[in-house]
């Protein structure tokens, strides 16, 4: 019984000490939070103190060894040091879908073209059409700034969100290259300029609801492309 009474006395003493400390500090943020609004320094009767003053008071009450002013966490890496993913993974190439355009063929059939673009790197060797590789080599040796490629065979194109994703966002069979250009471009980012060899191409396919749903809403996004030569073309 004595133990219970002593426990109650200690609890009451703790409560009185907390009330005394709260009275010294003035209204608490907890009471203000019930009103679900920020403090208005002109209207509210509160004591708004600098952050350092709050920590100094806590140090005086608890002892400086128990208080350490929070420090801003260091970034793992500066934003300008962030790198793009590896350009080719699992046989798929990282590219930007640029946008679409509507066309009709000589028989007035409705078509749509999709524009894609990505910087060429050594890792792309073996995953781009043969004519594209040949034009890329020629551009390196010629000293020119751009080359247009014609006669690239139709491809089957898989468009994926992830290099390991099994289900494609879009699957195009017999997609024809209506335009393909390799160009040296100066890109400026984070105050630095560098020359990039960019492959931009346009693929033309028949219109259907799945193609239009993708083409109309996903422009500006990055996807992983798997490009395989196919025998089928729109002329067949």
Protein backbone atom coordinates (compact mmCIF):
# COMPACT_ATOMS: atom_id res chain seq x y z
CA UNK A 1 0.00 0.00 0.00
CA UNK A 2 2.87 2.33 0.86
CA UNK A 3 4.37 1.61 -2.57
CA UNK A 4 1.10 2.57 -4.25
CA UNK A 5 0.89 5.83 -2.30
CA UNK A 6 4.50 6.68 -3.12
CA UNK A 7 3.82 5.99 -6.80
CA UNK A 8 0.81 8.31 -6.77
CA UNK A 9 2.85 11.06 -5.06
CA UNK A 10 5.62 10.75 -7.67
CA UNK A 11 3.07 10.87 -10.50
CA UNK A 12 1.39 13.95 -9.03
CA UNK A 13 4.77 15.64 -8.55
CA UNK A 14 5.69 14.92 -12.18
CA UNK A 15 2.38 16.37 -13.38
CA UNK A 16 2.87 19.54 -11.33
CA UNK A 17 6.41 19.94 -12.67
CA UNK A 18 5.19 19.54 -16.27
CA UNK A 19 2.40 22.10 -15.71
CA UNK A 20 4.93 24.52 -14.24
CA UNK A 21 7.24 24.10 -17.28
CA UNK A 22 4.30 24.54 -19.67
CA UNK A 23 3.23 27.73 -17.89
CA UNK A 24 6.74 29.14 -18.28
CA UNK A 25 6.78 28.44 -22.01
CA UNK A 26 3.30 29.80 -22.76
CA UNK A 27 0.69 28.16 -25.07
CA UNK A 28 1.90 24.97 -26.69
CA UNK A 29 1.76 23.99 -30.36
CA UNK A 30 -0.44 21.01 -29.41
CA UNK A 31 -3.27 23.37 -28.40
CA UNK A 32 -2.93 25.24 -31.65
CA UNK A 33 -2.94 22.06 -33.69
CA UNK A 34 -6.47 21.32 -32.53
CA UNK A 35 -7.60 24.33 -34.55
CA UNK A 36 -5.86 22.94 -37.64
CA UNK A 37 -4.29 26.23 -38.62
CA UNK A 38 -0.85 27.84 -38.49
CA UNK A 39 0.13 30.41 -35.91
CA UNK A 40 -0.80 34.02 -36.72
CA UNK A 41 1.83 36.10 -34.96
CA UNK A 42 -0.36 39.25 -35.12
CA UNK A 43 -3.55 37.70 -33.70
CA UNK A 44 -2.56 34.68 -31.60
CA UNK A 45 -1.31 35.03 -28.03
CA UNK A 46 1.77 32.87 -28.40
CA UNK A 47 5.44 33.15 -27.73
CA UNK A 48 7.19 32.48 -31.04
CA UNK A 49 10.85 32.02 -30.29
CA UNK A 50 13.86 31.39 -32.51
CA UNK A 51 14.77 27.74 -32.88
CA UNK A 52 18.13 28.24 -31.18
CA UNK A 53 16.41 29.75 -28.13
CA UNK A 54 14.27 26.64 -27.78
CA UNK A 55 17.32 24.38 -27.81
CA UNK A 56 19.16 26.63 -25.35
CA UNK A 57 16.25 26.39 -22.89
CA UNK A 58 16.11 22.62 -23.26
CA UNK A 59 19.85 22.40 -22.65
CA UNK A 60 19.49 24.46 -19.48
CA UNK A 61 16.78 22.13 -18.14
CA UNK A 62 18.14 18.77 -19.25
CA UNK A 63 21.83 19.44 -19.45
CA UNK A 64 23.77 20.18 -22.67
CA UNK A 65 24.96 16.58 -22.92
CA UNK A 66 21.39 15.51 -23.71
CA UNK A 67 20.67 18.02 -26.45
CA UNK A 68 22.15 18.28 -29.90
CA UNK A 69 20.92 20.81 -32.45
CA UNK A 70 19.60 18.87 -35.49
CA UNK A 71 21.77 19.13 -38.54
CA UNK A 72 20.56 18.97 -42.14
CA UNK A 73 21.16 15.54 -43.56
CA UNK A 74 23.87 15.43 -46.20
CA UNK A 75 22.81 14.48 -49.68
CA UNK A 76 24.10 11.16 -50.91
CA UNK A 77 25.17 12.84 -54.13
CA UNK A 78 24.87 16.29 -55.62
CA UNK A 79 22.02 16.53 -58.16
CA UNK A 80 24.43 17.32 -60.98
CA UNK A 81 26.29 14.10 -60.25
CA UNK A 82 23.20 11.95 -60.81
CA UNK A 83 23.68 9.65 -63.78
CA UNK A 84 21.31 8.18 -66.31
CA UNK A 85 20.65 4.45 -66.23
CA UNK A 86 22.82 2.19 -68.37
CA UNK A 87 21.64 2.84 -71.93
CA UNK A 88 21.08 -0.82 -72.84
CA UNK A 89 19.82 -3.45 -70.41
CA UNK A 90 18.45 -6.91 -71.09
CA UNK A 91 18.52 -6.23 -74.82
CA UNK A 92 16.38 -3.10 -74.45
CA UNK A 93 17.36 0.49 -75.20
CA UNK A 94 16.35 3.49 -73.10
CA UNK A 95 14.61 6.07 -75.32
CA UNK A 96 12.29 9.05 -75.12
CA UNK A 97 8.91 8.89 -76.83
CA UNK A 98 8.61 12.34 -78.43
CA UNK A 99 5.12 12.41 -79.95
CA UNK A 100 2.82 11.35 -82.76
CA UNK A 101 1.45 12.42 -86.12
CA UNK A 102 -1.47 11.24 -88.26
CA UNK A 103 -1.05 10.10 -91.87
CA UNK A 104 -2.85 8.29 -94.68
CA UNK A 105 -1.26 5.96 -97.21
CA UNK A 106 -1.78 5.96 -100.99
CA UNK A 107 -4.98 3.92 -100.53
CA UNK A 108 -6.30 6.46 -97.99
CA UNK A 109 -5.81 4.02 -95.09
CA UNK A 110 -5.40 5.74 -91.72
CA UNK A 111 -1.91 5.53 -90.24
CA UNK A 112 -0.09 7.03 -87.27
CA UNK A 113 3.60 7.68 -86.78
CA UNK A 114 5.46 7.67 -83.47
CA UNK A 115 8.70 9.61 -82.92
CA UNK A 116 11.44 8.30 -80.64
CA UNK A 117 14.92 9.55 -79.77
CA UNK A 118 17.96 8.44 -77.79
CA UNK A 119 21.72 9.19 -77.59
CA UNK A 120 23.88 6.58 -79.27
CA UNK A 121 26.55 4.88 -77.17
CA UNK A 122 28.88 1.94 -77.68
CA UNK A 123 26.42 -0.23 -75.76
CA UNK A 124 23.89 0.11 -78.62
CA UNK A 125 26.10 -1.90 -80.98
CA UNK A 126 24.21 -5.08 -81.81
CA UNK A 127 20.78 -3.72 -80.88
CA UNK A 128 20.20 -1.12 -83.61
CA UNK A 129 19.46 -1.89 -87.29
CA UNK A 130 22.48 -2.55 -89.52
CA UNK A 131 21.89 0.55 -91.66
CA UNK A 132 21.79 2.72 -88.55
CA UNK A 133 25.14 1.37 -87.37
CA UNK A 134 26.70 1.92 -90.80
CA UNK A 135 25.45 5.53 -90.90
CA UNK A 136 26.76 6.10 -87.38
CA UNK A 137 30.25 4.87 -88.35
CA UNK A 138 30.19 7.04 -91.48
CA UNK A 139 29.22 10.11 -89.46
CA UNK A 140 32.12 9.55 -87.06
CA UNK A 141 34.61 9.33 -89.91
CA UNK A 142 33.20 12.03 -92.19
CA UNK A 143 33.31 15.02 -89.89
CA UNK A 144 29.72 15.89 -90.79
CA UNK A 145 27.09 16.82 -88.22
CA UNK A 146 24.13 14.79 -89.45
CA UNK A 147 23.12 11.98 -91.74
CA UNK A 148 19.67 10.86 -92.90
CA UNK A 149 19.14 7.13 -93.26
CA UNK A 150 16.82 5.56 -95.81
CA UNK A 151 15.85 1.98 -96.56
CA UNK A 152 15.86 0.64 -92.99
CA UNK A 153 13.86 -2.61 -92.90
CA UNK A 154 10.61 -2.71 -90.92
CA UNK A 155 10.89 -3.76 -87.29
CA UNK A 156 8.88 -5.35 -84.53
CA UNK A 157 9.03 -2.92 -81.64
CA UNK A 158 8.35 -3.68 -78.00
CA UNK A 159 7.90 -0.69 -75.69
CA UNK A 160 8.45 -1.44 -71.99
CA UNK A 161 8.37 0.53 -68.76
CA UNK A 162 11.27 -1.45 -67.31
CA UNK A 163 14.18 -3.39 -68.85
CA UNK A 164 12.98 -6.57 -67.11
CA UNK A 165 9.23 -6.09 -67.52
CA UNK A 166 7.61 -9.01 -69.39
CA UNK A 167 4.48 -7.28 -70.65
CA UNK A 168 5.05 -4.38 -73.09
CA UNK A 169 3.14 -1.13 -72.97
CA UNK A 170 2.97 -1.34 -76.75
CA UNK A 171 3.81 -4.04 -79.29
CA UNK A 172 4.18 -2.99 -82.93
CA UNK A 173 4.64 -5.51 -85.74
CA UNK A 174 5.89 -4.34 -89.12
CA UNK A 175 6.61 -0.76 -88.01
CA UNK A 176 8.21 1.14 -90.91
CA UNK A 177 10.89 3.81 -90.64
CA UNK A 178 9.48 6.84 -92.42
CA UNK A 179 12.31 9.03 -91.09
CA UNK A 180 15.63 8.34 -89.39
CA UNK A 181 18.40 10.81 -88.61
CA UNK A 182 21.67 10.63 -86.67
CA UNK A 183 22.86 14.05 -85.58
CA UNK A 184 25.59 15.59 -83.47
CA UNK A 185 23.92 17.90 -80.95
CA UNK A 186 25.38 20.12 -78.26
CA UNK A 187 23.45 19.53 -75.05
CA UNK A 188 23.74 21.95 -72.15
CA UNK A 189 22.96 20.84 -68.62
CA UNK A 190 24.13 21.91 -65.15
CA UNK A 191 26.31 24.60 -66.72
CA UNK A 192 28.22 22.11 -68.86
CA UNK A 193 27.97 21.60 -72.62
CA UNK A 194 28.77 18.31 -74.36
CA UNK A 195 28.37 16.86 -77.83
CA UNK A 196 25.89 14.00 -78.09
CA UNK A 197 25.22 11.72 -81.06
CA UNK A 198 21.43 11.43 -81.13
CA UNK A 199 19.40 8.93 -83.13
CA UNK A 200 15.90 10.25 -83.87
CA UNK A 201 13.46 8.12 -85.82
CA UNK A 202 9.83 7.91 -86.87
CA UNK A 203 7.91 4.64 -87.04
CA UNK A 204 4.68 4.39 -89.02
CA UNK A 205 1.96 1.85 -88.22
CA UNK A 206 -1.74 1.31 -88.77
CA UNK A 207 -4.05 3.10 -86.37
CA UNK A 208 -5.86 1.14 -83.68
CA UNK A 209 -7.19 2.04 -80.26
CA UNK A 210 -4.19 0.69 -78.34
CA UNK A 211 -1.66 2.57 -80.46
CA UNK A 212 -3.62 5.82 -80.29
CA UNK A 213 -4.15 5.49 -76.52
CA UNK A 214 -0.38 5.21 -76.06
CA UNK A 215 0.65 7.75 -78.68
CA UNK A 216 -1.72 10.47 -77.55
CA UNK A 217 -0.91 10.43 -73.84
CA UNK A 218 2.63 9.15 -73.24
CA UNK A 219 4.70 11.77 -75.07
CA UNK A 220 7.75 13.02 -73.20
CA UNK A 221 8.13 9.79 -71.21
CA UNK A 222 11.08 7.39 -71.26
CA UNK A 223 10.67 3.74 -72.22
CA UNK A 224 12.80 0.70 -72.93
CA UNK A 225 12.68 -0.42 -76.58
CA UNK A 226 13.32 -3.85 -77.99
CA UNK A 227 13.80 -3.61 -81.76
CA UNK A 228 13.81 -6.71 -83.97
CA UNK A 229 13.81 -6.92 -87.75
CA UNK A 230 10.55 -8.21 -89.18
CA UNK A 231 9.49 -9.34 -92.64
CA UNK A 232 6.02 -7.84 -92.39
CA UNK A 233 5.45 -4.32 -93.72
CA UNK A 234 2.52 -2.03 -94.34
CA UNK A 235 2.82 -2.63 -98.08
CA UNK A 236 1.93 -6.32 -97.70
